[in-house]
């Protein structure tokens, strides 16, 4: 039997990071060896603790820099922080391969969100008109959300004949948690698909699957589907 994978969480004090720590601690496949926040000297500690795979879940815009530092510290990475573009992914992929490391970029760990994005890619190939409405609690700093941006990217990719952006509307209100609705329309009809998330507990299966995948990866890929497929 293989020893448990040594895992660290950067951003452990946040909602996602806290949920990740709980999920990791309840799974015998992993040992949580480090809980870090942005002020900690976590690159040094990650190397000292011989971390196999680290989850990065801090603030939007910090994911690229933090993931590069984690790779340099000898850990494979799961990047949950919003704002990792395809260009950023290429940078991470190149650095990971230089270090014989790997990882996974995950805009959303939810199974429901994964299926919504997959469906939107298919629907967008048939409906030319579509718009995204993403709704989150009033403490969420980034807008649009990473999930909405990833949904939009997939929808555009399904329309090779057009590079026009899909409009995204962002709502931030107390009482909401994380919700996304996508409307597709054609002559005389509207197709609506919606996902509602009420608790970070929904992320646990995806977090564990992503850590398993990233621990064995070489190069940095994108999307939770890869983790659920293994």
Protein backbone atom coordinates (compact mmCIF):
# COMPACT_ATOMS: atom_id res chain seq x y z
CA UNK A 1 0.00 0.00 0.00
CA UNK A 2 1.37 3.42 -0.96
CA UNK A 3 1.96 5.94 1.84
CA UNK A 4 -0.53 8.83 2.04
CA UNK A 5 0.19 11.81 -0.22
CA UNK A 6 1.57 14.79 1.67
CA UNK A 7 -0.72 17.75 1.02
CA UNK A 8 -0.55 21.46 1.87
CA UNK A 9 -3.24 24.10 1.46
CA UNK A 10 -2.29 27.71 0.70
CA UNK A 11 -5.25 29.89 1.61
CA UNK A 12 -6.43 27.55 4.36
CA UNK A 13 -8.30 30.32 6.16
CA UNK A 14 -10.76 30.95 3.33
CA UNK A 15 -14.06 29.17 2.72
CA UNK A 16 -12.67 26.91 0.02
CA UNK A 17 -9.39 26.34 1.82
CA UNK A 18 -11.14 25.44 5.05
CA UNK A 19 -13.46 23.02 3.24
CA UNK A 20 -10.44 21.48 1.53
CA UNK A 21 -8.65 20.92 4.83
CA UNK A 22 -11.71 19.16 6.26
CA UNK A 23 -12.04 16.93 3.19
CA UNK A 24 -8.33 16.06 3.17
CA UNK A 25 -8.29 15.20 6.88
CA UNK A 26 -11.16 12.74 6.45
CA UNK A 27 -9.50 10.86 3.56
CA UNK A 28 -6.90 8.18 4.34
CA UNK A 29 -5.19 8.71 0.97
CA UNK A 30 -3.83 12.07 2.14
CA UNK A 31 -1.96 13.58 5.05
CA UNK A 32 -2.48 17.31 5.61
CA UNK A 33 1.02 18.51 6.51
CA UNK A 34 0.54 22.24 6.07
CA UNK A 35 -2.19 24.88 6.48
CA UNK A 36 -0.91 28.21 5.20
CA UNK A 37 -2.22 31.71 4.65
CA UNK A 38 -0.75 34.37 2.38
CA UNK A 39 1.38 35.95 5.13
CA UNK A 40 3.12 32.70 5.99
CA UNK A 41 6.51 31.81 4.53
CA UNK A 42 4.85 28.89 2.79
CA UNK A 43 7.31 28.36 -0.13
CA UNK A 44 10.04 27.52 2.38
CA UNK A 45 7.74 25.34 4.49
CA UNK A 46 6.43 23.46 1.43
CA UNK A 47 9.98 22.47 0.52
CA UNK A 48 10.89 21.58 4.13
CA UNK A 49 7.78 19.45 4.55
CA UNK A 50 8.38 17.60 1.25
CA UNK A 51 4.84 18.32 0.06
CA UNK A 52 3.68 16.09 -2.79
CA UNK A 53 0.79 18.28 -3.94
CA UNK A 54 -0.45 21.68 -2.82
CA UNK A 55 -3.84 23.33 -3.24
CA UNK A 56 -3.65 27.06 -4.01
CA UNK A 57 -6.89 28.83 -3.01
CA UNK A 58 -6.08 32.44 -2.14
CA UNK A 59 -7.25 35.62 -3.94
CA UNK A 60 -8.02 36.20 -7.60
CA UNK A 61 -4.93 37.37 -9.45
CA UNK A 62 -2.42 35.58 -7.20
CA UNK A 63 -2.79 32.08 -8.62
CA UNK A 64 -0.09 32.27 -11.29
CA UNK A 65 2.63 33.63 -9.01
CA UNK A 66 1.75 31.26 -6.17
CA UNK A 67 1.61 28.21 -8.44
CA UNK A 68 5.01 29.03 -9.93
CA UNK A 69 6.48 29.31 -6.44
CA UNK A 70 4.91 26.00 -5.41
CA UNK A 71 6.37 24.26 -8.46
CA UNK A 72 9.76 25.75 -7.66
CA UNK A 73 9.40 24.47 -4.09
CA UNK A 74 9.03 20.92 -5.40
CA UNK A 75 5.26 20.41 -5.14
CA UNK A 76 2.70 19.54 -7.77
CA UNK A 77 -0.20 21.98 -7.74
CA UNK A 78 -3.96 22.32 -7.88
CA UNK A 79 -4.85 25.94 -8.66
CA UNK A 80 -8.33 26.94 -7.50
CA UNK A 81 -7.83 30.71 -7.51
CA UNK A 82 -9.67 32.65 -10.22
CA UNK A 83 -7.89 34.47 -13.01
CA UNK A 84 -5.66 31.82 -14.61
CA UNK A 85 -5.82 32.52 -18.34
CA UNK A 86 -4.80 30.14 -21.12
CA UNK A 87 -1.59 32.14 -21.44
CA UNK A 88 -0.94 31.72 -17.71
CA UNK A 89 -1.59 28.01 -18.06
CA UNK A 90 1.05 27.79 -20.79
CA UNK A 91 3.57 29.46 -18.46
CA UNK A 92 2.74 27.04 -15.65
CA UNK A 93 2.86 24.05 -17.98
CA UNK A 94 6.33 25.00 -19.21
CA UNK A 95 7.66 25.54 -15.67
CA UNK A 96 6.14 22.28 -14.46
CA UNK A 97 7.74 20.29 -17.27
CA UNK A 98 11.10 21.93 -16.55
CA UNK A 99 10.78 20.73 -12.96
CA UNK A 100 9.31 17.29 -13.88
CA UNK A 101 6.18 18.33 -12.01
CA UNK A 102 2.52 18.81 -12.90
CA UNK A 103 -0.80 20.14 -11.82
CA UNK A 104 -4.39 21.01 -12.58
CA UNK A 105 -6.24 24.32 -12.91
CA UNK A 106 -9.78 24.03 -11.56
CA UNK A 107 -12.20 26.96 -12.00
CA UNK A 108 -14.86 25.09 -10.01
CA UNK A 109 -14.69 21.81 -8.06
CA UNK A 110 -18.43 21.17 -8.13
CA UNK A 111 -19.72 18.20 -10.13
CA UNK A 112 -22.84 20.18 -11.01
CA UNK A 113 -20.82 23.13 -12.28
CA UNK A 114 -18.67 20.77 -14.35
CA UNK A 115 -21.75 19.32 -16.02
CA UNK A 116 -23.22 22.79 -16.59
CA UNK A 117 -20.05 23.96 -18.36
CA UNK A 118 -19.95 20.81 -20.46
CA UNK A 119 -23.59 21.26 -21.49
CA UNK A 120 -23.07 24.94 -22.28
CA UNK A 121 -20.29 24.02 -24.69
CA UNK A 122 -22.68 21.73 -26.53
CA UNK A 123 -25.61 24.15 -26.49
CA UNK A 124 -23.47 27.05 -27.75
CA UNK A 125 -22.72 25.14 -30.95
CA UNK A 126 -26.45 25.28 -31.79
CA UNK A 127 -27.62 28.61 -30.37
CA UNK A 128 -25.97 31.80 -31.60
CA UNK A 129 -27.52 34.02 -28.93
CA UNK A 130 -26.63 33.40 -25.28
CA UNK A 131 -25.84 35.26 -22.08
CA UNK A 132 -24.45 34.26 -18.66
CA UNK A 133 -25.73 35.50 -15.31
CA UNK A 134 -23.51 34.66 -12.33
CA UNK A 135 -24.65 35.47 -8.80
CA UNK A 136 -22.56 35.36 -5.64
CA UNK A 137 -22.51 36.64 -2.07
CA UNK A 138 -21.51 40.24 -1.50
CA UNK A 139 -18.09 39.31 -0.05
CA UNK A 140 -16.82 37.81 -3.31
CA UNK A 141 -14.21 40.23 -4.66
CA UNK A 142 -13.75 39.16 -8.28
CA UNK A 143 -16.32 39.67 -11.00
CA UNK A 144 -17.00 37.95 -13.29
CA UNK A 145 -16.39 34.73 -11.41
CA UNK A 146 -13.84 32.21 -12.60
CA UNK A 147 -16.66 29.76 -13.34
CA UNK A 148 -18.43 32.28 -15.56
CA UNK A 149 -15.22 33.09 -17.42
CA UNK A 150 -14.50 29.40 -17.99
CA UNK A 151 -18.08 28.83 -19.17
CA UNK A 152 -17.74 31.73 -21.60
CA UNK A 153 -14.44 30.39 -22.92
CA UNK A 154 -15.93 26.98 -23.57
CA UNK A 155 -18.94 28.48 -25.31
CA UNK A 156 -16.72 30.55 -27.60
CA UNK A 157 -14.58 27.50 -28.36
CA UNK A 158 -17.72 25.70 -29.53
CA UNK A 159 -18.27 28.42 -32.13
CA UNK A 160 -15.12 28.38 -34.29
CA UNK A 161 -16.81 30.59 -36.84
CA UNK A 162 -17.21 33.42 -34.31
CA UNK A 163 -14.88 34.87 -31.70
CA UNK A 164 -17.49 37.24 -30.23
CA UNK A 165 -17.57 37.23 -26.44
CA UNK A 166 -20.61 35.90 -24.60
CA UNK A 167 -22.03 38.64 -22.34
CA UNK A 168 -21.61 37.97 -18.60
CA UNK A 169 -23.72 39.71 -15.93
CA UNK A 170 -22.43 39.65 -12.35
CA UNK A 171 -24.64 40.00 -9.27
CA UNK A 172 -23.27 40.42 -5.73
CA UNK A 173 -25.89 40.34 -2.97
CA UNK A 174 -26.08 39.19 0.66
CA UNK A 175 -28.03 35.96 0.99
CA UNK A 176 -26.62 34.43 -2.17
CA UNK A 177 -23.83 31.85 -2.18
CA UNK A 178 -22.81 30.72 -5.70
CA UNK A 179 -25.26 30.49 -8.59
CA UNK A 180 -25.00 30.56 -12.37
CA UNK A 181 -27.66 30.69 -15.06
CA UNK A 182 -27.04 30.55 -18.80
CA UNK A 183 -29.74 31.50 -21.32
CA UNK A 184 -29.65 30.36 -24.95
CA UNK A 185 -32.19 31.66 -27.44
CA UNK A 186 -33.34 31.07 -30.98
CA UNK A 187 -36.40 32.09 -32.97
CA UNK A 188 -39.42 31.45 -30.77
CA UNK A 189 -37.61 29.63 -27.92
CA UNK A 190 -35.32 30.02 -24.92
CA UNK A 191 -33.26 27.27 -23.27
CA UNK A 192 -32.15 27.93 -19.68
CA UNK A 193 -29.65 25.96 -17.61
CA UNK A 194 -28.89 26.82 -13.99
CA UNK A 195 -26.69 25.58 -11.18
CA UNK A 196 -27.12 26.54 -7.51
CA UNK A 197 -24.47 25.87 -4.89
CA UNK A 198 -25.31 26.44 -1.24
CA UNK A 199 -22.31 25.07 0.67
CA UNK A 200 -18.59 24.46 0.10
CA UNK A 201 -19.27 20.85 1.10
CA UNK A 202 -20.17 20.32 -2.57
CA UNK A 203 -16.51 20.86 -3.46
CA UNK A 204 -15.12 17.95 -1.42
CA UNK A 205 -15.32 15.15 -4.05
CA UNK A 206 -13.79 17.42 -6.68
CA UNK A 207 -11.00 18.60 -4.38
CA UNK A 208 -9.95 15.04 -3.57
CA UNK A 209 -10.17 13.95 -7.22
CA UNK A 210 -8.09 16.95 -8.31
CA UNK A 211 -5.39 16.23 -5.71
CA UNK A 212 -5.17 12.59 -6.83
CA UNK A 213 -4.85 13.65 -10.46
CA UNK A 214 -2.37 16.46 -9.88
CA UNK A 215 -0.09 14.33 -7.72
CA UNK A 216 0.64 12.09 -10.72
CA UNK A 217 0.52 14.73 -13.46
CA UNK A 218 3.35 15.96 -15.62
CA UNK A 219 2.56 19.33 -17.09
CA UNK A 220 -0.37 21.52 -16.09
CA UNK A 221 -3.82 20.76 -17.51
CA UNK A 222 -7.21 22.44 -17.05
CA UNK A 223 -10.61 21.24 -15.91
CA UNK A 224 -12.00 18.96 -13.20
CA UNK A 225 -13.26 16.54 -15.88
CA UNK A 226 -9.74 15.13 -16.15
CA UNK A 227 -9.74 14.27 -12.46
CA UNK A 228 -13.17 12.63 -12.52
CA UNK A 229 -12.21 10.62 -15.61
CA UNK A 230 -9.30 8.85 -13.89
